[in-house]
Each structure stands twice: as structure tokens, then as C-alpha cells.
Amino acid sequence: MTTAPPAQRRIAAIILNYRTPQLVADCLPTVASELDPERDEIIVVDNASGDSSAQEIRDFISRRGFPHARLVEAPHNGGFSAGNNLGVSSTPAEAYLLLNSDTLVRPGAPERLWQTLCSSPDIGLVSPRLEWPDGTPQISCFRLHSPWSEIIQGSQTAPIRRLLSSWDVPIPVADYLTEPAWTSFAAVLIRREVFDSVGPLDEGYFMYYEDVDYCRRARNLGWRIVNEPAARIVHLRGGTSPVKALQRERKRRPRYYYRSRARYFRKAYNPLGLVLANGCWTLGRAIAGARELVGSKRPHAVDFELLDTWRG
């Protein structure tokens, strides 16, 4: 007897968890209330947390009675890309809403993202406006990282940023539809055909740079990337990763951050491009060091940043 294939959903929301069960418990109801149990599905992927996360989430789903939510457990923690790929491959859908566990979905956001995605067949990815709980917007749209943007990154000085503004990665928040080179995957709706043509997220990235890499690959195949500010999702930035907190405290970032950076520049610009990017970053850092020395400014570089940048 042949088993019938599962019915294709409209939207499958993928919430990735690694030891953040309380964040999932906060996020999940905001997603569930915005999706239709008859047409949509929610997949919570536990990325081999190794603690009580999976059981807590399973109990929460059962207790709250979400008919369109279920838990998928990864056999090992392969990182952001691997966890999301597992969620995407676990269910057929017309589009996949990737969500960090530290997000809260505002009313109407998934429907607005869906409408924008459906407005043109060449729109492959749509991101919302990310914001803080008080409504303050977060920058979530960007230009591509390039060797020249690494001078800005290394220097962190206003004159250099103005001089190289065409290569500055962050794009100011806009109140109208925009088409950035790439967008944050903290929250993004991706058309199924994009996965069919581009393939899964690159699991060579454990965390960071996988979103810019994927958007670059999608754009190279002709897919448009759109930011829809009318769809709003709260992002409790830093809830799923220590990198931003470590950067604020000028402490050493995890090795996976630098490995991801090196992988991106090797893929986008070839190995010589990585050397050029590292050289540009070092030039920027030298400029910053000179300004800090002359002006008695507080150093902005994190611990071991020069070593880790070149080691990759």
C-alpha cells in the first residue's frame, strides 16, 4: 500500500532552539496566533541542546494545545544553517518563515510577508522590520560585505565611514519597501522555489554570515530580496548568541564567528579576496589605533581580534 505524501502547507514557520526554551515559550504563542492551523504549520527545531529544552518545549506545546506545532530534534548541533535546513526538510510548504527563538511576532506580520511574497513571482525572500519591544527599529538590511567595507569595520571611525559610504554594510531603516542586497535571517520568509534553485543553507557556517551568503547566492540566480516594513517582528537581539554581548564588552568572540567570516570571503571573493579583506581590516584597525593613541580614545577592538581575523 502506498502512503500518500503529506499535504503541502502554505507557510511553515521554523523556530530554532538551542537551550532557550523560555524564549521559545514566549515566541511560539505569538506565531501560533498569526498562522492558520488548516493551512500553516510550526516546526520547533531543538538543535541538540543537551539539556531539558526539548522536553520542556514538547510539554509546552502539549499543554497549550497548538494543533499546528510540533517539535523536531536534531541528532547533533550543526549550527544555525543545519538546524533550519532540518526544519525546512521536515515539511513541504509554499514558503518557510525562519525565526530566531528570541523573536516575537507582531499581529498581521506573517500575512503581510506572505502577501508581499505573492505580489511578484521573482520575489524570493521577504523580511520584516525588526524592532525592539518599545517599537524602536533595528537595522536589518545590508549591502554585501566586501574588502572595502572591512576598512570601515576595522577603523570604526566616522571619517572613514563617510569616505567609503558606498561600501558601508548597514542600510538605514526605511518606512517603505526596499530591496537590500541581503537581510537578517533572524526573521525571513523564503519561497520554496528558492530552496529548490539555490539549495539549502550552507552548513559550513556554524553561525553568522550564512544569511549574507544565502542572499548573495539567491540574487545571483535572479531572485529579489525585499524588506517589508509594514510587517513587524520584535527581535530581542542577543538572546540566542553571545557574540554581540562579547563585542560590547570587548571580549574575545567565539572561533566560529571568524571561521564564518573567512568562509564568506573565500566563497564570495576567492582565497586572495580573503587576504585582501584581512589586509583592509588591518589597515582600518591601524587607523583606529592611531586615532586612539593620539586622542586617548577608548579602544574598540575586541580581545585577540587581529589574531583571530587572520587565523579565520
C-alpha atoms as a PDB file:
ATOM      1  CA  MET A   1       0.000   0.000   0.000  1.00  0.00           C
ATOM      2  CA  THR A   2       1.426   3.400  -0.987  1.00  0.00           C
ATOM      3  CA  THR A   3       1.399   6.121   1.633  1.00  0.00           C
ATOM      4  CA  ALA A   4       0.055   9.432   0.369  1.00  0.00           C
ATOM      5  CA  PRO A   5       2.572  12.304   0.531  1.00  0.00           C
ATOM      6  CA  PRO A   6       1.887  14.922   3.215  1.00  0.00           C
ATOM      7  CA  ALA A   7      -0.230  17.853   2.102  1.00  0.00           C
ATOM      8  CA  GLN A   8       1.762  20.952   1.256  1.00  0.00           C
ATOM      9  CA  ARG A   9       1.323  23.772   3.713  1.00  0.00           C
ATOM     10  CA  ARG A  10       1.107  27.447   2.849  1.00  0.00           C
ATOM     11  CA  ILE A  11       3.597  28.710   5.456  1.00  0.00           C
ATOM     12  CA  ALA A  12       5.830  26.583   7.658  1.00  0.00           C
ATOM     13  CA  ALA A  13       7.365  28.603  10.483  1.00  0.00           C
ATOM     14  CA  ILE A  14      10.718  27.238  11.671  1.00  0.00           C
ATOM     15  CA  ILE A  15      11.734  28.261  15.205  1.00  0.00           C
ATOM     16  CA  LEU A  16      15.296  27.252  16.051  1.00  0.00           C
ATOM     17  CA  ASN A  17      16.122  26.463  19.670  1.00  0.00           C
ATOM     18  CA  TYR A  18      19.405  25.886  21.437  1.00  0.00           C
ATOM     19  CA  ARG A  19      18.972  25.957  25.189  1.00  0.00           C
ATOM     20  CA  THR A  20      16.395  28.765  25.054  1.00  0.00           C
ATOM     21  CA  PRO A  21      13.119  27.007  25.992  1.00  0.00           C
ATOM     22  CA  GLN A  22      11.706  30.081  27.738  1.00  0.00           C
ATOM     23  CA  LEU A  23      12.306  32.209  24.660  1.00  0.00           C
ATOM     24  CA  VAL A  24      10.520  29.576  22.574  1.00  0.00           C
ATOM     25  CA  ALA A  25       7.622  29.607  25.052  1.00  0.00           C
ATOM     26  CA  ASP A  26       7.379  33.379  24.594  1.00  0.00           C
ATOM     27  CA  CYS A  27       7.757  33.267  20.805  1.00  0.00           C
ATOM     28  CA  LEU A  28       5.541  30.317  19.952  1.00  0.00           C
ATOM     29  CA  PRO A  29       2.152  31.774  21.012  1.00  0.00           C
ATOM     30  CA  THR A  30       2.811  34.948  19.008  1.00  0.00           C
ATOM     31  CA  VAL A  31       3.445  32.817  15.908  1.00  0.00           C
ATOM     32  CA  ALA A  32       0.603  30.374  16.516  1.00  0.00           C
ATOM     33  CA  SER A  33      -1.975  33.139  16.822  1.00  0.00           C
ATOM     34  CA  GLU A  34      -0.973  34.512  13.404  1.00  0.00           C
ATOM     35  CA  LEU A  35      -0.987  31.255  11.420  1.00  0.00           C
ATOM     36  CA  ASP A  36      -3.936  29.159  10.258  1.00  0.00           C
ATOM     37  CA  PRO A  37      -3.921  25.563  11.603  1.00  0.00           C
ATOM     38  CA  GLU A  38      -5.709  24.455   8.421  1.00  0.00           C
ATOM     39  CA  ARG A  39      -3.056  25.858   6.093  1.00  0.00           C
ATOM     40  CA  ASP A  40       0.105  26.504   8.099  1.00  0.00           C
ATOM     41  CA  GLU A  41       2.492  24.660  10.381  1.00  0.00           C
ATOM     42  CA  ILE A  42       5.048  25.472  13.080  1.00  0.00           C
ATOM     43  CA  ILE A  43       8.209  23.406  13.463  1.00  0.00           C
ATOM     44  CA  VAL A  44      10.352  23.954  16.544  1.00  0.00           C
ATOM     45  CA  VAL A  45      13.804  22.508  15.916  1.00  0.00           C
ATOM     46  CA  ASP A  46      15.799  21.667  19.016  1.00  0.00           C
ATOM     47  CA  ASN A  47      19.414  21.833  17.912  1.00  0.00           C
ATOM     48  CA  ALA A  48      20.641  19.042  20.229  1.00  0.00           C
ATOM     49  CA  SER A  49      20.547  21.313  23.271  1.00  0.00           C
ATOM     50  CA  GLY A  50      21.690  18.520  25.559  1.00  0.00           C
ATOM     51  CA  ASP A  51      19.557  19.826  28.420  1.00  0.00           C
ATOM     52  CA  SER A  52      15.845  19.709  29.232  1.00  0.00           C
ATOM     53  CA  SER A  53      14.907  22.078  26.381  1.00  0.00           C
ATOM     54  CA  ALA A  54      13.290  19.508  24.099  1.00  0.00           C
ATOM     55  CA  GLN A  55      11.081  18.049  26.813  1.00  0.00           C
ATOM     56  CA  GLU A  56      10.096  21.490  28.100  1.00  0.00           C
ATOM     57  CA  ILE A  57       9.096  22.605  24.608  1.00  0.00           C
ATOM     58  CA  ARG A  58       7.225  19.366  23.928  1.00  0.00           C
ATOM     59  CA  ASP A  59       5.319  19.759  27.211  1.00  0.00           C
ATOM     60  CA  PHE A  60       4.575  23.418  26.433  1.00  0.00           C
ATOM     61  CA  ILE A  61       3.146  22.580  23.000  1.00  0.00           C
ATOM     62  CA  SER A  62       1.000  19.829  24.514  1.00  0.00           C
ATOM     63  CA  ARG A  63      -0.169  21.970  27.421  1.00  0.00           C
ATOM     64  CA  ARG A  64      -1.113  24.943  25.264  1.00  0.00           C
ATOM     65  CA  GLY A  65      -2.742  22.727  22.638  1.00  0.00           C
ATOM     66  CA  PHE A  66      -1.231  24.168  19.461  1.00  0.00           C
ATOM     67  CA  PRO A  67      -2.599  21.815  16.761  1.00  0.00           C
ATOM     68  CA  HIS A  68      -0.240  23.094  14.082  1.00  0.00           C
ATOM     69  CA  ALA A  69       3.002  22.976  16.112  1.00  0.00           C
ATOM     70  CA  ARG A  70       5.433  20.128  16.622  1.00  0.00           C
ATOM     71  CA  LEU A  71       8.977  19.517  17.791  1.00  0.00           C
ATOM     72  CA  VAL A  72      11.799  18.133  15.659  1.00  0.00           C
ATOM     73  CA  GLU A  73      15.002  17.092  17.420  1.00  0.00           C
ATOM     74  CA  ALA A  74      18.339  17.375  15.633  1.00  0.00           C
ATOM     75  CA  PRO A  75      20.771  14.479  16.201  1.00  0.00           C
ATOM     76  CA  HIS A  76      23.605  16.957  16.767  1.00  0.00           C
ATOM     77  CA  ASN A  77      24.138  20.708  16.921  1.00  0.00           C
ATOM     78  CA  GLY A  78      25.271  21.598  13.420  1.00  0.00           C
ATOM     79  CA  GLY A  79      24.597  25.309  13.888  1.00  0.00           C
ATOM     80  CA  PHE A  80      22.093  27.802  12.503  1.00  0.00           C
ATOM     81  CA  SER A  81      22.094  26.584   8.903  1.00  0.00           C
ATOM     82  CA  ALA A  82      21.872  22.904   9.755  1.00  0.00           C
ATOM     83  CA  GLY A  83      19.030  23.424  12.215  1.00  0.00           C
ATOM     84  CA  ASN A  84      16.968  25.464   9.787  1.00  0.00           C
ATOM     85  CA  ASN A  85      17.674  23.017   6.951  1.00  0.00           C
ATOM     86  CA  LEU A  86      16.340  20.218   9.144  1.00  0.00           C
ATOM     87  CA  GLY A  87      13.163  22.193   9.788  1.00  0.00           C
ATOM     88  CA  VAL A  88      12.668  23.012   6.115  1.00  0.00           C
ATOM     89  CA  SER A  89      13.219  19.413   5.024  1.00  0.00           C
ATOM     90  CA  SER A  90      10.764  18.090   7.619  1.00  0.00           C
ATOM     91  CA  THR A  91       7.646  19.500   5.954  1.00  0.00           C
ATOM     92  CA  PRO A  92       6.508  20.591   2.460  1.00  0.00           C
ATOM     93  CA  ALA A  93       5.341  24.200   2.231  1.00  0.00           C
ATOM     94  CA  GLU A  94       4.988  27.025  -0.245  1.00  0.00           C
ATOM     95  CA  ALA A  95       7.150  29.260   1.936  1.00  0.00           C
ATOM     96  CA  TYR A  96       9.218  28.965   5.101  1.00  0.00           C
ATOM     97  CA  LEU A  97       9.270  31.586   7.852  1.00  0.00           C
ATOM     98  CA  LEU A  98      12.615  31.293   9.612  1.00  0.00           C
ATOM     99  CA  LEU A  99      12.505  32.712  13.138  1.00  0.00           C
ATOM    100  CA  ASN A 100      15.078  33.023  15.889  1.00  0.00           C
ATOM    101  CA  SER A 101      13.732  31.919  19.239  1.00  0.00           C
ATOM    102  CA  ASP A 102      14.352  35.464  20.525  1.00  0.00           C
ATOM    103  CA  THR A 103      11.622  36.926  18.293  1.00  0.00           C
ATOM    104  CA  LEU A 104       8.023  37.941  18.982  1.00  0.00           C
ATOM    105  CA  VAL A 105       5.668  38.176  16.020  1.00  0.00           C
ATOM    106  CA  ARG A 106       3.500  41.294  15.872  1.00  0.00           C
ATOM    107  CA  PRO A 107      -0.149  40.952  14.715  1.00  0.00           C
ATOM    108  CA  GLY A 108      -0.511  40.649  10.962  1.00  0.00           C
ATOM    109  CA  ALA A 109       3.193  40.215  10.236  1.00  0.00           C
ATOM    110  CA  PRO A 110       3.143  36.733   8.625  1.00  0.00           C
ATOM    111  CA  GLU A 111       0.162  37.596   6.453  1.00  0.00           C
ATOM    112  CA  ARG A 112       1.795  40.810   5.255  1.00  0.00           C
ATOM    113  CA  LEU A 113       5.021  38.956   4.450  1.00  0.00           C
ATOM    114  CA  TRP A 114       3.018  36.339   2.559  1.00  0.00           C
ATOM    115  CA  GLN A 115       1.133  38.960   0.544  1.00  0.00           C
ATOM    116  CA  THR A 116       4.374  40.687  -0.375  1.00  0.00           C
ATOM    117  CA  LEU A 117       5.957  37.395  -1.403  1.00  0.00           C
ATOM    118  CA  CYS A 118       2.950  36.614  -3.611  1.00  0.00           C
ATOM    119  CA  SER A 119       2.912  40.057  -5.207  1.00  0.00           C
ATOM    120  CA  SER A 120       5.591  39.081  -7.753  1.00  0.00           C
ATOM    121  CA  PRO A 121       6.924  35.661  -8.790  1.00  0.00           C
ATOM    122  CA  ASP A 122      10.538  36.850  -8.748  1.00  0.00           C
ATOM    123  CA  ILE A 123      10.442  37.892  -5.084  1.00  0.00           C
ATOM    124  CA  GLY A 124      12.221  35.061  -3.312  1.00  0.00           C
ATOM    125  CA  LEU A 125      12.797  36.365   0.208  1.00  0.00           C
ATOM    126  CA  VAL A 126      10.873  38.898   2.298  1.00  0.00           C
ATOM    127  CA  SER A 127      11.999  40.184   5.663  1.00  0.00           C
ATOM    128  CA  PRO A 128      10.025  42.231   8.198  1.00  0.00           C
ATOM    129  CA  ARG A 129      11.012  45.325  10.082  1.00  0.00           C
ATOM    130  CA  LEU A 130      12.865  44.095  13.148  1.00  0.00           C
ATOM    131  CA  GLU A 131      12.351  46.186  16.255  1.00  0.00           C
ATOM    132  CA  TRP A 132      12.838  46.341  19.990  1.00  0.00           C
ATOM    133  CA  PRO A 133       9.838  45.744  22.278  1.00  0.00           C
ATOM    134  CA  ASP A 134       9.227  49.505  22.517  1.00  0.00           C
ATOM    135  CA  GLY A 135       8.955  49.758  18.711  1.00  0.00           C
ATOM    136  CA  THR A 136      12.413  51.208  18.111  1.00  0.00           C
ATOM    137  CA  PRO A 137      13.560  49.805  14.746  1.00  0.00           C
ATOM    138  CA  GLN A 138      16.704  47.744  14.303  1.00  0.00           C
ATOM    139  CA  ILE A 139      18.900  47.835  11.236  1.00  0.00           C
ATOM    140  CA  SER A 140      18.301  44.527   9.459  1.00  0.00           C
ATOM    141  CA  CYS A 141      19.035  45.295   5.784  1.00  0.00           C
ATOM    142  CA  PHE A 142      22.519  45.492   4.368  1.00  0.00           C
ATOM    143  CA  ARG A 143      24.924  45.880   1.480  1.00  0.00           C
ATOM    144  CA  LEU A 144      27.274  42.977   0.809  1.00  0.00           C
ATOM    145  CA  HIS A 145      30.408  42.638   2.879  1.00  0.00           C
ATOM    146  CA  SER A 146      33.428  43.446   0.743  1.00  0.00           C
ATOM    147  CA  PRO A 147      37.152  44.004   1.295  1.00  0.00           C
ATOM    148  CA  TRP A 148      36.465  47.763   1.231  1.00  0.00           C
ATOM    149  CA  SER A 149      33.777  47.505   3.884  1.00  0.00           C
ATOM    150  CA  GLU A 150      36.383  45.792   6.068  1.00  0.00           C
ATOM    151  CA  ILE A 151      38.321  49.063   6.265  1.00  0.00           C
ATOM    152  CA  ILE A 152      35.211  50.597   7.829  1.00  0.00           C
ATOM    153  CA  GLN A 153      34.760  47.580  10.104  1.00  0.00           C
ATOM    154  CA  GLY A 154      38.363  47.747  11.265  1.00  0.00           C
ATOM    155  CA  SER A 155      38.534  51.504  11.779  1.00  0.00           C
ATOM    156  CA  GLN A 156      35.096  52.163  13.288  1.00  0.00           C
ATOM    157  CA  THR A 157      35.691  55.861  12.669  1.00  0.00           C
ATOM    158  CA  ALA A 158      33.222  58.371  11.235  1.00  0.00           C
ATOM    159  CA  PRO A 159      35.595  59.977   8.667  1.00  0.00           C
ATOM    160  CA  ILE A 160      36.415  56.578   7.118  1.00  0.00           C
ATOM    161  CA  ARG A 161      32.742  55.596   7.149  1.00  0.00           C
ATOM    162  CA  ARG A 162      31.816  58.800   5.293  1.00  0.00           C
ATOM    163  CA  LEU A 163      34.658  58.405   2.806  1.00  0.00           C
ATOM    164  CA  LEU A 164      33.646  54.815   1.985  1.00  0.00           C
ATOM    165  CA  SER A 165      29.900  55.240   2.454  1.00  0.00           C
ATOM    166  CA  SER A 166      29.108  53.377  -0.784  1.00  0.00           C
ATOM    167  CA  TRP A 167      30.574  50.230   0.762  1.00  0.00           C
ATOM    168  CA  ASP A 168      29.195  50.665   4.274  1.00  0.00           C
ATOM    169  CA  VAL A 169      27.302  47.444   5.075  1.00  0.00           C
ATOM    170  CA  PRO A 170      24.342  48.639   7.242  1.00  0.00           C
ATOM    171  CA  ILE A 171      21.468  50.332   5.397  1.00  0.00           C
ATOM    172  CA  PRO A 172      19.378  52.848   7.391  1.00  0.00           C
ATOM    173  CA  VAL A 173      15.864  51.747   8.325  1.00  0.00           C
ATOM    174  CA  ALA A 174      13.213  52.798   5.798  1.00  0.00           C
ATOM    175  CA  ASP A 175       9.434  53.105   6.148  1.00  0.00           C
ATOM    176  CA  TYR A 176       8.849  51.918   2.571  1.00  0.00           C
ATOM    177  CA  LEU A 177       9.512  48.704   0.644  1.00  0.00           C
ATOM    178  CA  THR A 178      13.201  48.292  -0.156  1.00  0.00           C
ATOM    179  CA  GLU A 179      15.387  45.724  -1.927  1.00  0.00           C
ATOM    180  CA  PRO A 180      18.623  45.258   0.024  1.00  0.00           C
ATOM    181  CA  ALA A 181      21.499  43.065  -1.062  1.00  0.00           C
ATOM    182  CA  TRP A 182      20.838  40.896   1.977  1.00  0.00           C
ATOM    183  CA  THR A 183      18.700  40.814   5.074  1.00  0.00           C
ATOM    184  CA  SER A 184      18.917  39.338   8.547  1.00  0.00           C
ATOM    185  CA  PHE A 185      17.688  35.769   8.907  1.00  0.00           C
ATOM    186  CA  ALA A 186      16.540  36.435  12.464  1.00  0.00           C
ATOM    187  CA  ALA A 187      13.158  36.581  10.710  1.00  0.00           C
ATOM    188  CA  VAL A 188      12.614  35.997   6.997  1.00  0.00           C
ATOM    189  CA  LEU A 189      10.037  34.367   4.702  1.00  0.00           C
ATOM    190  CA  ILE A 190      11.619  32.315   1.907  1.00  0.00           C
ATOM    191  CA  ARG A 191       9.769  30.917  -1.102  1.00  0.00           C
ATOM    192  CA  ARG A 192      10.081  27.133  -1.561  1.00  0.00           C
ATOM    193  CA  GLU A 193      11.316  27.595  -5.135  1.00  0.00           C
ATOM    194  CA  VAL A 194      14.308  29.480  -3.758  1.00  0.00           C
ATOM    195  CA  PHE A 195      15.368  26.398  -1.816  1.00  0.00           C
ATOM    196  CA  ASP A 196      14.732  24.330  -4.939  1.00  0.00           C
ATOM    197  CA  SER A 197      17.018  26.506  -7.075  1.00  0.00           C
ATOM    198  CA  VAL A 198      19.629  27.757  -4.605  1.00  0.00           C
ATOM    199  CA  GLY A 199      19.720  24.694  -2.384  1.00  0.00           C
ATOM    200  CA  PRO A 200      19.805  24.561   1.419  1.00  0.00           C
ATOM    201  CA  LEU A 201      21.645  26.995   3.660  1.00  0.00           C
ATOM    202  CA  ASP A 202      25.385  26.342   3.655  1.00  0.00           C
ATOM    203  CA  GLU A 203      26.065  24.173   6.702  1.00  0.00           C
ATOM    204  CA  GLY A 204      29.728  25.138   6.552  1.00  0.00           C
ATOM    205  CA  TYR A 205      28.663  28.220   8.506  1.00  0.00           C
ATOM    206  CA  PHE A 206      28.029  27.313  12.132  1.00  0.00           C
ATOM    207  CA  MET A 207      26.636  30.748  12.903  1.00  0.00           C
ATOM    208  CA  TYR A 208      26.949  34.210  11.269  1.00  0.00           C
ATOM    209  CA  TYR A 209      27.402  35.091   7.581  1.00  0.00           C
ATOM    210  CA  GLU A 210      25.057  32.308   6.450  1.00  0.00           C
ATOM    211  CA  ASP A 211      22.341  34.865   5.675  1.00  0.00           C
ATOM    212  CA  VAL A 212      24.505  37.151   3.557  1.00  0.00           C
ATOM    213  CA  ASP A 213      25.917  34.103   1.750  1.00  0.00           C
ATOM    214  CA  TYR A 214      22.451  32.725   1.012  1.00  0.00           C
ATOM    215  CA  CYS A 215      21.083  36.062  -0.176  1.00  0.00           C
ATOM    216  CA  ARG A 216      24.096  36.539  -2.448  1.00  0.00           C
ATOM    217  CA  ARG A 217      23.521  33.110  -3.987  1.00  0.00           C
ATOM    218  CA  ALA A 218      19.797  33.791  -4.435  1.00  0.00           C
ATOM    219  CA  ARG A 219      20.368  37.172  -6.068  1.00  0.00           C
ATOM    220  CA  ASN A 220      22.916  35.617  -8.441  1.00  0.00           C
ATOM    221  CA  LEU A 221      20.096  33.346  -9.652  1.00  0.00           C
ATOM    222  CA  GLY A 222      17.737  36.258 -10.222  1.00  0.00           C
ATOM    223  CA  TRP A 223      15.673  36.213  -7.015  1.00  0.00           C
ATOM    224  CA  ARG A 224      14.680  39.550  -5.486  1.00  0.00           C
ATOM    225  CA  ILE A 225      15.127  40.205  -1.773  1.00  0.00           C
ATOM    226  CA  VAL A 226      12.569  42.578  -0.274  1.00  0.00           C
ATOM    227  CA  ASN A 227      12.127  44.204   3.115  1.00  0.00           C
ATOM    228  CA  GLU A 228       8.510  44.880   4.089  1.00  0.00           C
ATOM    229  CA  PRO A 229       8.481  47.379   6.997  1.00  0.00           C
ATOM    230  CA  ALA A 230       4.705  47.065   7.431  1.00  0.00           C
ATOM    231  CA  ALA A 231       5.364  43.572   8.815  1.00  0.00           C
ATOM    232  CA  ARG A 232       6.904  43.991  12.243  1.00  0.00           C
ATOM    233  CA  ILE A 233       8.650  41.428  14.409  1.00  0.00           C
ATOM    234  CA  VAL A 234      10.333  42.062  17.749  1.00  0.00           C
ATOM    235  CA  HIS A 235      13.909  40.826  17.929  1.00  0.00           C
ATOM    236  CA  LEU A 236      15.413  40.531  21.400  1.00  0.00           C
ATOM    237  CA  ARG A 237      18.836  40.823  19.836  1.00  0.00           C
ATOM    238  CA  GLY A 238      21.492  38.701  21.501  1.00  0.00           C
ATOM    239  CA  GLY A 239      19.104  36.228  23.085  1.00  0.00           C
ATOM    240  CA  THR A 240      20.411  33.300  21.045  1.00  0.00           C
ATOM    241  CA  SER A 241      24.115  34.127  20.723  1.00  0.00           C
ATOM    242  CA  PRO A 242      26.811  35.651  22.966  1.00  0.00           C
ATOM    243  CA  VAL A 243      28.684  37.358  20.106  1.00  0.00           C
ATOM    244  CA  LYS A 244      27.092  40.822  20.347  1.00  0.00           C
ATOM    245  CA  ALA A 245      27.396  40.909  24.131  1.00  0.00           C
ATOM    246  CA  LEU A 246      31.055  39.907  23.905  1.00  0.00           C
ATOM    247  CA  GLN A 247      31.660  42.613  21.313  1.00  0.00           C
ATOM    248  CA  ARG A 248      30.102  45.269  23.557  1.00  0.00           C
ATOM    249  CA  GLU A 249      32.335  44.146  26.406  1.00  0.00           C
ATOM    250  CA  ARG A 250      35.417  43.990  24.116  1.00  0.00           C
ATOM    251  CA  LYS A 251      35.854  40.307  24.968  1.00  0.00           C
ATOM    252  CA  ARG A 252      37.054  37.601  22.617  1.00  0.00           C
ATOM    253  CA  ARG A 253      34.406  36.339  20.203  1.00  0.00           C
ATOM    254  CA  PRO A 254      33.918  32.600  19.549  1.00  0.00           C
ATOM    255  CA  ARG A 255      36.105  30.966  16.939  1.00  0.00           C
ATOM    256  CA  TYR A 256      33.079  30.101  14.810  1.00  0.00           C
ATOM    257  CA  TYR A 257      32.463  33.810  14.134  1.00  0.00           C
ATOM    258  CA  TYR A 258      35.861  34.227  12.456  1.00  0.00           C
ATOM    259  CA  ARG A 259      35.609  30.914  10.630  1.00  0.00           C
ATOM    260  CA  SER A 260      32.281  32.015   9.170  1.00  0.00           C
ATOM    261  CA  ARG A 261      33.740  35.360   8.140  1.00  0.00           C
ATOM    262  CA  ALA A 262      36.663  33.640   6.412  1.00  0.00           C
ATOM    263  CA  ARG A 263      34.340  31.191   4.661  1.00  0.00           C
ATOM    264  CA  TYR A 264      32.208  34.025   3.308  1.00  0.00           C
ATOM    265  CA  PHE A 265      35.128  35.982   1.853  1.00  0.00           C
ATOM    266  CA  ARG A 266      36.686  32.849   0.338  1.00  0.00           C
ATOM    267  CA  LYS A 267      33.381  31.949  -1.348  1.00  0.00           C
ATOM    268  CA  ALA A 268      32.476  35.460  -2.476  1.00  0.00           C
ATOM    269  CA  TYR A 269      35.914  36.746  -3.478  1.00  0.00           C
ATOM    270  CA  ASN A 270      38.187  33.631  -3.647  1.00  0.00           C
ATOM    271  CA  PRO A 271      41.134  32.974  -1.282  1.00  0.00           C
ATOM    272  CA  LEU A 272      43.011  36.075  -2.456  1.00  0.00           C
ATOM    273  CA  GLY A 273      39.891  38.091  -1.683  1.00  0.00           C
ATOM    274  CA  LEU A 274      40.056  36.865   1.910  1.00  0.00           C
ATOM    275  CA  VAL A 275      43.662  38.016   2.157  1.00  0.00           C
ATOM    276  CA  LEU A 276      42.637  41.396   0.729  1.00  0.00           C
ATOM    277  CA  ALA A 277      39.737  41.635   3.185  1.00  0.00           C
ATOM    278  CA  ASN A 278      42.047  40.836   6.096  1.00  0.00           C
ATOM    279  CA  GLY A 279      44.542  43.399   4.855  1.00  0.00           C
ATOM    280  CA  CYS A 280      41.838  46.056   4.556  1.00  0.00           C
ATOM    281  CA  TRP A 281      40.570  45.260   8.049  1.00  0.00           C
ATOM    282  CA  THR A 282      44.126  45.534   9.404  1.00  0.00           C
ATOM    283  CA  LEU A 283      44.567  48.905   7.670  1.00  0.00           C
ATOM    284  CA  GLY A 284      41.349  50.102   9.266  1.00  0.00           C
ATOM    285  CA  ARG A 285      42.448  48.839  12.643  1.00  0.00           C
ATOM    286  CA  ALA A 286      45.785  50.665  12.289  1.00  0.00           C
ATOM    287  CA  ILE A 287      43.902  53.905  11.561  1.00  0.00           C
ATOM    288  CA  ALA A 288      41.741  53.338  14.625  1.00  0.00           C
ATOM    289  CA  GLY A 289      44.787  52.556  16.745  1.00  0.00           C
ATOM    290  CA  ALA A 290      46.492  55.767  15.690  1.00  0.00           C
ATOM    291  CA  ARG A 291      43.381  57.834  16.498  1.00  0.00           C
ATOM    292  CA  GLU A 292      43.027  56.123  19.856  1.00  0.00           C
ATOM    293  CA  LEU A 293      46.676  56.796  20.673  1.00  0.00           C
ATOM    294  CA  VAL A 294      46.571  60.464  19.673  1.00  0.00           C
ATOM    295  CA  GLY A 295      43.122  61.226  21.022  1.00  0.00           C
ATOM    296  CA  SER A 296      43.224  58.985  24.100  1.00  0.00           C
ATOM    297  CA  LYS A 297      40.079  57.303  22.806  1.00  0.00           C
ATOM    298  CA  ARG A 298      38.761  54.079  24.306  1.00  0.00           C
ATOM    299  CA  PRO A 299      39.871  51.115  22.146  1.00  0.00           C
ATOM    300  CA  HIS A 300      37.006  49.494  20.274  1.00  0.00           C
ATOM    301  CA  ALA A 301      38.720  46.279  19.142  1.00  0.00           C
ATOM    302  CA  VAL A 302      37.812  43.094  20.972  1.00  0.00           C
ATOM    303  CA  ASP A 303      40.405  40.839  22.590  1.00  0.00           C
ATOM    304  CA  PHE A 304      42.597  38.877  20.161  1.00  0.00           C
ATOM    305  CA  GLU A 305      40.731  40.346  17.175  1.00  0.00           C
ATOM    306  CA  LEU A 306      43.807  40.806  14.982  1.00  0.00           C
ATOM    307  CA  LEU A 307      44.982  37.237  15.581  1.00  0.00           C
ATOM    308  CA  ASP A 308      41.533  35.714  15.107  1.00  0.00           C
ATOM    309  CA  THR A 309      40.813  37.717  11.951  1.00  0.00           C
ATOM    310  CA  TRP A 310      43.933  36.393  10.212  1.00  0.00           C
ATOM    311  CA  ARG A 311      43.625  32.879  11.607  1.00  0.00           C
ATOM    312  CA  GLY A 312      39.998  32.626  10.424  1.00  0.00           C
END
